[in-house]
Amino acid sequence: MADAAITWYHGERARKTVASLQKNGFEALYFGKKDEAVEEVLKRIPPEAKVGFGGSVTLRELDLVETLRSKGNTVYDHWQKGLTPEELRQVRMSHLVCDTFITSSNAITLDGRLVNIDHSGNRVAAMIFGPGSIIVVAGVNKIVKNVEAGLDRIKNFACPLNTHRRNDPTPCAKSTLCADCAMPGRLCRVTTIIEARPAASNNFTIILVGENLGY
């Protein structure tokens, strides 16, 4: 009974969010299971496509990077180990001109806005302008009431988890709460709120998944 209630709850919130996203000009879809979402993503990407990946735990949980690489796609992944500083810069620049850019969103509001905080800015830059198409995949755990709730979620949940994952010596990595620090490892550097589909991004798809994914 409890599982059925939770499924209903997340499904209703997701459907409301999808309707709001569509009203704001995005293509928006909802799938109950992550395998269904992965199938939808893969069918949208031809083998010859050059694909950029934003920094995202969600995408790694879905194994999309390796799946597309194994299909023969050119993949621009700045989380790839062993990149030199110049190679890292080139990968990030490639995100802006790739055929398809795949990422997640730190938070998505019930009224259809995408809220994100970035460290380097390449992820949010590619979400706004450049790639031929953009696909955002997010679990229902990313749905929030409004922008304020989204920012709170990012600063006091997602960022502490990411700084802990990266072993950054920031206050939030220890206390789990944002201290608005000025440390070199600070992740909270670029904040964006996408209120509607950017005018130059004619192919912008948001896929919500009825499971918890990423931070």
C-alpha atoms as a PDB file:
ATOM      1  CA  MET A   1       0.000   0.000   0.000  1.00  0.00           C
ATOM      2  CA  ALA A   2       2.791   2.415   0.907  1.00  0.00           C
ATOM      3  CA  ASP A   3       4.645   1.754  -2.352  1.00  0.00           C
ATOM      4  CA  ALA A   4       1.467   2.354  -4.358  1.00  0.00           C
ATOM      5  CA  ALA A   5       0.906   5.648  -2.562  1.00  0.00           C
ATOM      6  CA  ILE A   6       4.458   6.803  -3.225  1.00  0.00           C
ATOM      7  CA  THR A   7       4.155   5.854  -6.893  1.00  0.00           C
ATOM      8  CA  TRP A   8       0.910   7.839  -7.116  1.00  0.00           C
ATOM      9  CA  TYR A   9       2.478  10.853  -5.384  1.00  0.00           C
ATOM     10  CA  HIS A  10       5.537  11.022  -7.611  1.00  0.00           C
ATOM     11  CA  GLY A  11       3.481  10.323 -10.716  1.00  0.00           C
ATOM     12  CA  GLU A  12       1.061  13.160 -10.010  1.00  0.00           C
ATOM     13  CA  ARG A  13       3.872  15.650  -9.318  1.00  0.00           C
ATOM     14  CA  ALA A  14       5.680  14.535 -12.459  1.00  0.00           C
ATOM     15  CA  ARG A  15       2.579  14.909 -14.626  1.00  0.00           C
ATOM     16  CA  LYS A  16       1.955  18.412 -13.276  1.00  0.00           C
ATOM     17  CA  THR A  17       5.570  19.321 -13.941  1.00  0.00           C
ATOM     18  CA  VAL A  18       5.450  17.876 -17.465  1.00  0.00           C
ATOM     19  CA  ALA A  19       2.347  19.949 -18.241  1.00  0.00           C
ATOM     20  CA  SER A  20       4.073  23.095 -16.947  1.00  0.00           C
ATOM     21  CA  LEU A  21       7.233  22.380 -18.934  1.00  0.00           C
ATOM     22  CA  GLN A  22       5.187  21.896 -22.092  1.00  0.00           C
ATOM     23  CA  LYS A  23       3.398  25.187 -21.441  1.00  0.00           C
ATOM     24  CA  ASN A  24       6.834  26.823 -21.180  1.00  0.00           C
ATOM     25  CA  GLY A  25       7.815  25.550 -24.623  1.00  0.00           C
ATOM     26  CA  PHE A  26       9.794  22.407 -23.791  1.00  0.00           C
ATOM     27  CA  GLU A  27       9.134  18.927 -25.056  1.00  0.00           C
ATOM     28  CA  ALA A  28       8.527  17.036 -21.820  1.00  0.00           C
ATOM     29  CA  LEU A  29       7.967  13.341 -21.181  1.00  0.00           C
ATOM     30  CA  TYR A  30       7.477  11.114 -18.150  1.00  0.00           C
ATOM     31  CA  PHE A  31       8.538   7.504 -17.751  1.00  0.00           C
ATOM     32  CA  GLY A  32       7.954   5.417 -14.651  1.00  0.00           C
ATOM     33  CA  LYS A  33      11.210   3.464 -14.929  1.00  0.00           C
ATOM     34  CA  LYS A  34      14.750   4.527 -15.750  1.00  0.00           C
ATOM     35  CA  ASP A  35      15.153   1.771 -18.367  1.00  0.00           C
ATOM     36  CA  GLU A  36      12.284   3.306 -20.332  1.00  0.00           C
ATOM     37  CA  ALA A  37      13.917   6.721 -20.131  1.00  0.00           C
ATOM     38  CA  VAL A  38      17.257   5.349 -21.340  1.00  0.00           C
ATOM     39  CA  GLU A  39      15.521   3.682 -24.295  1.00  0.00           C
ATOM     40  CA  GLU A  40      13.888   7.004 -25.191  1.00  0.00           C
ATOM     41  CA  VAL A  41      17.214   8.834 -25.065  1.00  0.00           C
ATOM     42  CA  LEU A  42      19.026   6.250 -27.165  1.00  0.00           C
ATOM     43  CA  LYS A  43      16.434   6.218 -29.943  1.00  0.00           C
ATOM     44  CA  ARG A  44      16.898   9.978 -30.359  1.00  0.00           C
ATOM     45  CA  ILE A  45      20.647   9.763 -31.004  1.00  0.00           C
ATOM     46  CA  PRO A  46      21.952   8.415 -34.340  1.00  0.00           C
ATOM     47  CA  PRO A  47      25.302   6.567 -34.380  1.00  0.00           C
ATOM     48  CA  GLU A  48      27.082   9.441 -36.114  1.00  0.00           C
ATOM     49  CA  ALA A  49      26.021  12.057 -33.553  1.00  0.00           C
ATOM     50  CA  LYS A  50      28.602  13.847 -31.443  1.00  0.00           C
ATOM     51  CA  VAL A  51      27.299  13.832 -27.882  1.00  0.00           C
ATOM     52  CA  GLY A  52      28.309  16.054 -24.976  1.00  0.00           C
ATOM     53  CA  PHE A  53      27.655  15.155 -21.353  1.00  0.00           C
ATOM     54  CA  GLY A  54      27.206  17.605 -18.523  1.00  0.00           C
ATOM     55  CA  GLY A  55      28.642  16.788 -15.125  1.00  0.00           C
ATOM     56  CA  SER A  56      25.893  14.612 -13.680  1.00  0.00           C
ATOM     57  CA  VAL A  57      25.667  11.685 -11.296  1.00  0.00           C
ATOM     58  CA  THR A  58      22.275  10.888 -12.843  1.00  0.00           C
ATOM     59  CA  LEU A  59      23.796  10.199 -16.267  1.00  0.00           C
ATOM     60  CA  ARG A  60      26.414   7.930 -14.760  1.00  0.00           C
ATOM     61  CA  GLU A  61      23.726   5.987 -12.893  1.00  0.00           C
ATOM     62  CA  LEU A  62      21.981   5.474 -16.241  1.00  0.00           C
ATOM     63  CA  ASP A  63      25.285   4.381 -17.858  1.00  0.00           C
ATOM     64  CA  LEU A  64      24.566   6.578 -20.862  1.00  0.00           C
ATOM     65  CA  VAL A  65      28.165   7.656 -21.413  1.00  0.00           C
ATOM     66  CA  GLU A  66      29.527   4.162 -21.903  1.00  0.00           C
ATOM     67  CA  THR A  67      26.441   2.974 -23.773  1.00  0.00           C
ATOM     68  CA  LEU A  68      26.760   5.674 -26.422  1.00  0.00           C
ATOM     69  CA  ARG A  69      30.515   5.261 -26.621  1.00  0.00           C
ATOM     70  CA  SER A  70      30.032   1.540 -27.272  1.00  0.00           C
ATOM     71  CA  LYS A  71      27.568   2.390 -30.068  1.00  0.00           C
ATOM     72  CA  GLY A  72      30.295   4.340 -31.808  1.00  0.00           C
ATOM     73  CA  ASN A  73      29.202   7.858 -30.940  1.00  0.00           C
ATOM     74  CA  THR A  74      31.818  10.540 -30.386  1.00  0.00           C
ATOM     75  CA  VAL A  75      31.439  11.398 -26.712  1.00  0.00           C
ATOM     76  CA  TYR A  76      32.625  14.567 -24.985  1.00  0.00           C
ATOM     77  CA  ASP A  77      32.900  13.683 -21.303  1.00  0.00           C
ATOM     78  CA  HIS A  78      34.853  16.065 -19.081  1.00  0.00           C
ATOM     79  CA  TRP A  79      34.672  13.541 -16.218  1.00  0.00           C
ATOM     80  CA  GLN A  80      36.942  11.248 -18.216  1.00  0.00           C
ATOM     81  CA  LYS A  81      40.050  10.489 -16.181  1.00  0.00           C
ATOM     82  CA  GLY A  82      43.496  11.559 -17.295  1.00  0.00           C
ATOM     83  CA  LEU A  83      42.561  14.697 -19.225  1.00  0.00           C
ATOM     84  CA  THR A  84      45.149  17.454 -19.273  1.00  0.00           C
ATOM     85  CA  PRO A  85      43.945  20.991 -18.436  1.00  0.00           C
ATOM     86  CA  GLU A  86      43.920  21.859 -22.140  1.00  0.00           C
ATOM     87  CA  GLU A  87      42.059  18.666 -23.074  1.00  0.00           C
ATOM     88  CA  LEU A  88      39.530  19.404 -20.344  1.00  0.00           C
ATOM     89  CA  ARG A  89      38.976  22.902 -21.738  1.00  0.00           C
ATOM     90  CA  GLN A  90      38.503  21.511 -25.255  1.00  0.00           C
ATOM     91  CA  VAL A  91      35.946  18.955 -24.068  1.00  0.00           C
ATOM     92  CA  ARG A  92      33.974  21.671 -22.308  1.00  0.00           C
ATOM     93  CA  MET A  93      34.097  23.864 -25.408  1.00  0.00           C
ATOM     94  CA  SER A  94      32.852  20.912 -27.474  1.00  0.00           C
ATOM     95  CA  HIS A  95      29.705  20.805 -25.335  1.00  0.00           C
ATOM     96  CA  LEU A  96      28.617  24.056 -26.958  1.00  0.00           C
ATOM     97  CA  VAL A  97      28.814  22.783 -30.542  1.00  0.00           C
ATOM     98  CA  CYS A  98      27.911  19.094 -30.228  1.00  0.00           C
ATOM     99  CA  ASP A  99      24.943  17.504 -31.987  1.00  0.00           C
ATOM    100  CA  THR A 100      23.257  16.526 -28.724  1.00  0.00           C
ATOM    101  CA  PHE A 101      24.005  17.681 -25.199  1.00  0.00           C
ATOM    102  CA  ILE A 102      22.733  15.419 -22.413  1.00  0.00           C
ATOM    103  CA  THR A 103      22.588  16.534 -18.820  1.00  0.00           C
ATOM    104  CA  SER A 104      20.395  16.580 -15.747  1.00  0.00           C
ATOM    105  CA  SER A 105      19.020  19.491 -13.753  1.00  0.00           C
ATOM    106  CA  ASN A 106      19.648  20.209 -10.101  1.00  0.00           C
ATOM    107  CA  ALA A 107      15.976  21.074  -9.621  1.00  0.00           C
ATOM    108  CA  ILE A 108      12.821  21.361 -11.719  1.00  0.00           C
ATOM    109  CA  THR A 109       9.895  23.325 -10.373  1.00  0.00           C
ATOM    110  CA  LEU A 110       6.252  22.348 -10.507  1.00  0.00           C
ATOM    111  CA  ASP A 111       5.623  25.416 -12.671  1.00  0.00           C
ATOM    112  CA  GLY A 112       8.181  24.241 -15.242  1.00  0.00           C
ATOM    113  CA  ARG A 113      11.458  26.028 -14.535  1.00  0.00           C
ATOM    114  CA  LEU A 114      14.965  24.551 -14.483  1.00  0.00           C
ATOM    115  CA  VAL A 115      17.146  25.642 -11.563  1.00  0.00           C
ATOM    116  CA  ASN A 116      20.865  24.933 -11.648  1.00  0.00           C
ATOM    117  CA  ILE A 117      24.095  25.897  -9.909  1.00  0.00           C
ATOM    118  CA  ASP A 118      27.390  25.217 -11.673  1.00  0.00           C
ATOM    119  CA  HIS A 119      31.076  25.246 -10.811  1.00  0.00           C
ATOM    120  CA  SER A 120      32.657  25.979 -14.210  1.00  0.00           C
ATOM    121  CA  GLY A 121      29.574  27.065 -16.165  1.00  0.00           C
ATOM    122  CA  ASN A 122      29.993  24.742 -19.152  1.00  0.00           C
ATOM    123  CA  ARG A 123      26.944  22.655 -18.230  1.00  0.00           C
ATOM    124  CA  VAL A 124      24.521  25.540 -17.838  1.00  0.00           C
ATOM    125  CA  ALA A 125      26.007  27.362 -20.843  1.00  0.00           C
ATOM    126  CA  ALA A 126      25.286  24.356 -23.078  1.00  0.00           C
ATOM    127  CA  MET A 127      21.767  24.105 -21.667  1.00  0.00           C
ATOM    128  CA  ILE A 128      21.099  27.662 -22.816  1.00  0.00           C
ATOM    129  CA  PHE A 129      22.728  27.970 -26.240  1.00  0.00           C
ATOM    130  CA  GLY A 130      24.742  26.042 -28.796  1.00  0.00           C
ATOM    131  CA  PRO A 131      24.064  22.294 -29.181  1.00  0.00           C
ATOM    132  CA  GLY A 132      21.850  20.954 -31.952  1.00  0.00           C
ATOM    133  CA  SER A 133      19.581  19.360 -29.381  1.00  0.00           C
ATOM    134  CA  ILE A 134      19.420  19.209 -25.591  1.00  0.00           C
ATOM    135  CA  ILE A 135      18.140  16.335 -23.487  1.00  0.00           C
ATOM    136  CA  VAL A 136      17.663  16.731 -19.743  1.00  0.00           C
ATOM    137  CA  VAL A 137      17.018  13.578 -17.710  1.00  0.00           C
ATOM    138  CA  ALA A 138      15.952  13.935 -14.082  1.00  0.00           C
ATOM    139  CA  GLY A 139      14.465  11.739 -11.398  1.00  0.00           C
ATOM    140  CA  VAL A 140      11.343  12.731  -9.496  1.00  0.00           C
ATOM    141  CA  ASN A 141      13.569  13.591  -6.525  1.00  0.00           C
ATOM    142  CA  LYS A 142      14.551  16.753  -8.429  1.00  0.00           C
ATOM    143  CA  ILE A 143      10.986  18.133  -8.530  1.00  0.00           C
ATOM    144  CA  VAL A 144      10.463  21.060  -6.148  1.00  0.00           C
ATOM    145  CA  LYS A 145       7.661  23.504  -5.386  1.00  0.00           C
ATOM    146  CA  ASN A 146       9.329  26.676  -6.664  1.00  0.00           C
ATOM    147  CA  VAL A 147      12.631  28.387  -7.446  1.00  0.00           C
ATOM    148  CA  GLU A 148      13.335  29.164  -3.794  1.00  0.00           C
ATOM    149  CA  ALA A 149      12.889  25.512  -2.872  1.00  0.00           C
ATOM    150  CA  GLY A 150      15.126  24.565  -5.778  1.00  0.00           C
ATOM    151  CA  LEU A 151      17.951  26.823  -4.637  1.00  0.00           C
ATOM    152  CA  ASP A 152      17.646  25.516  -1.093  1.00  0.00           C
ATOM    153  CA  ARG A 153      17.747  21.946  -2.374  1.00  0.00           C
ATOM    154  CA  ILE A 154      20.886  22.621  -4.378  1.00  0.00           C
ATOM    155  CA  LYS A 155      22.818  24.523  -1.724  1.00  0.00           C
ATOM    156  CA  ASN A 156      21.921  22.310   1.231  1.00  0.00           C
ATOM    157  CA  PHE A 157      21.612  18.902  -0.429  1.00  0.00           C
ATOM    158  CA  ALA A 158      23.129  18.539  -3.900  1.00  0.00           C
ATOM    159  CA  CYS A 159      26.230  20.664  -3.341  1.00  0.00           C
ATOM    160  CA  PRO A 160      27.182  19.062  -0.005  1.00  0.00           C
ATOM    161  CA  LEU A 161      26.852  15.620  -1.578  1.00  0.00           C
ATOM    162  CA  ASN A 162      28.918  16.623  -4.600  1.00  0.00           C
ATOM    163  CA  THR A 163      31.657  18.272  -2.544  1.00  0.00           C
ATOM    164  CA  HIS A 164      31.787  15.159  -0.361  1.00  0.00           C
ATOM    165  CA  ARG A 165      31.983  12.968  -3.485  1.00  0.00           C
ATOM    166  CA  ARG A 166      34.831  15.111  -4.830  1.00  0.00           C
ATOM    167  CA  ASN A 167      36.617  15.308  -1.450  1.00  0.00           C
ATOM    168  CA  ASP A 168      36.532  19.098  -1.581  1.00  0.00           C
ATOM    169  CA  PRO A 169      37.498  20.712   1.756  1.00  0.00           C
ATOM    170  CA  THR A 170      34.503  23.041   1.841  1.00  0.00           C
ATOM    171  CA  PRO A 171      32.329  23.695   4.909  1.00  0.00           C
ATOM    172  CA  CYS A 172      29.261  22.074   3.328  1.00  0.00           C
ATOM    173  CA  ALA A 173      31.193  18.840   2.752  1.00  0.00           C
ATOM    174  CA  LYS A 174      31.492  18.568   6.523  1.00  0.00           C
ATOM    175  CA  SER A 175      28.371  20.223   7.940  1.00  0.00           C
ATOM    176  CA  THR A 176      25.964  19.407   5.021  1.00  0.00           C
ATOM    177  CA  LEU A 177      24.845  23.059   5.064  1.00  0.00           C
ATOM    178  CA  CYS A 178      25.842  25.934   2.794  1.00  0.00           C
ATOM    179  CA  ALA A 179      28.136  28.473   4.477  1.00  0.00           C
ATOM    180  CA  ASP A 180      28.387  30.766   1.432  1.00  0.00           C
ATOM    181  CA  CYS A 181      32.128  30.142   1.552  1.00  0.00           C
ATOM    182  CA  ALA A 182      34.891  31.743  -0.496  1.00  0.00           C
ATOM    183  CA  MET A 183      37.055  28.638  -0.741  1.00  0.00           C
ATOM    184  CA  PRO A 184      38.771  27.469  -3.973  1.00  0.00           C
ATOM    185  CA  GLY A 185      36.675  24.285  -3.979  1.00  0.00           C
ATOM    186  CA  ARG A 186      33.369  26.142  -3.841  1.00  0.00           C
ATOM    187  CA  LEU A 187      30.864  24.622  -6.281  1.00  0.00           C
ATOM    188  CA  CYS A 188      28.271  27.425  -6.061  1.00  0.00           C
ATOM    189  CA  ARG A 189      29.623  29.825  -8.687  1.00  0.00           C
ATOM    190  CA  VAL A 190      27.085  30.133 -11.521  1.00  0.00           C
ATOM    191  CA  THR A 191      23.328  30.108 -10.911  1.00  0.00           C
ATOM    192  CA  THR A 192      20.798  29.858 -13.744  1.00  0.00           C
ATOM    193  CA  ILE A 193      17.017  29.776 -13.867  1.00  0.00           C
ATOM    194  CA  ILE A 194      15.600  28.722 -17.234  1.00  0.00           C
ATOM    195  CA  GLU A 195      12.028  29.985 -17.128  1.00  0.00           C
ATOM    196  CA  ALA A 196      11.082  28.796 -20.609  1.00  0.00           C
ATOM    197  CA  ARG A 197      12.720  27.125 -23.589  1.00  0.00           C
ATOM    198  CA  PRO A 198      15.539  29.370 -24.832  1.00  0.00           C
ATOM    199  CA  ALA A 199      14.466  30.889 -28.157  1.00  0.00           C
ATOM    200  CA  ALA A 200      17.446  29.531 -30.111  1.00  0.00           C
ATOM    201  CA  SER A 201      17.080  25.997 -28.705  1.00  0.00           C
ATOM    202  CA  ASN A 202      14.401  24.511 -30.931  1.00  0.00           C
ATOM    203  CA  ASN A 203      15.020  20.916 -29.837  1.00  0.00           C
ATOM    204  CA  PHE A 204      14.956  20.853 -26.024  1.00  0.00           C
ATOM    205  CA  THR A 205      13.575  17.722 -24.358  1.00  0.00           C
ATOM    206  CA  ILE A 206      13.108  17.094 -20.657  1.00  0.00           C
ATOM    207  CA  ILE A 207      12.573  13.511 -19.512  1.00  0.00           C
ATOM    208  CA  LEU A 208      11.300  12.941 -15.985  1.00  0.00           C
ATOM    209  CA  VAL A 209      11.742   9.503 -14.440  1.00  0.00           C
ATOM    210  CA  GLY A 210       9.604   8.044 -11.659  1.00  0.00           C
ATOM    211  CA  GLU A 211      12.676   7.019  -9.643  1.00  0.00           C
ATOM    212  CA  ASN A 212      15.265   8.770  -7.487  1.00  0.00           C
ATOM    213  CA  LEU A 213      18.309   9.560  -9.618  1.00  0.00           C
ATOM    214  CA  GLY A 214      21.465  11.463  -8.730  1.00  0.00           C
ATOM    215  CA  TYR A 215      21.667  14.266  -6.217  1.00  0.00           C
END
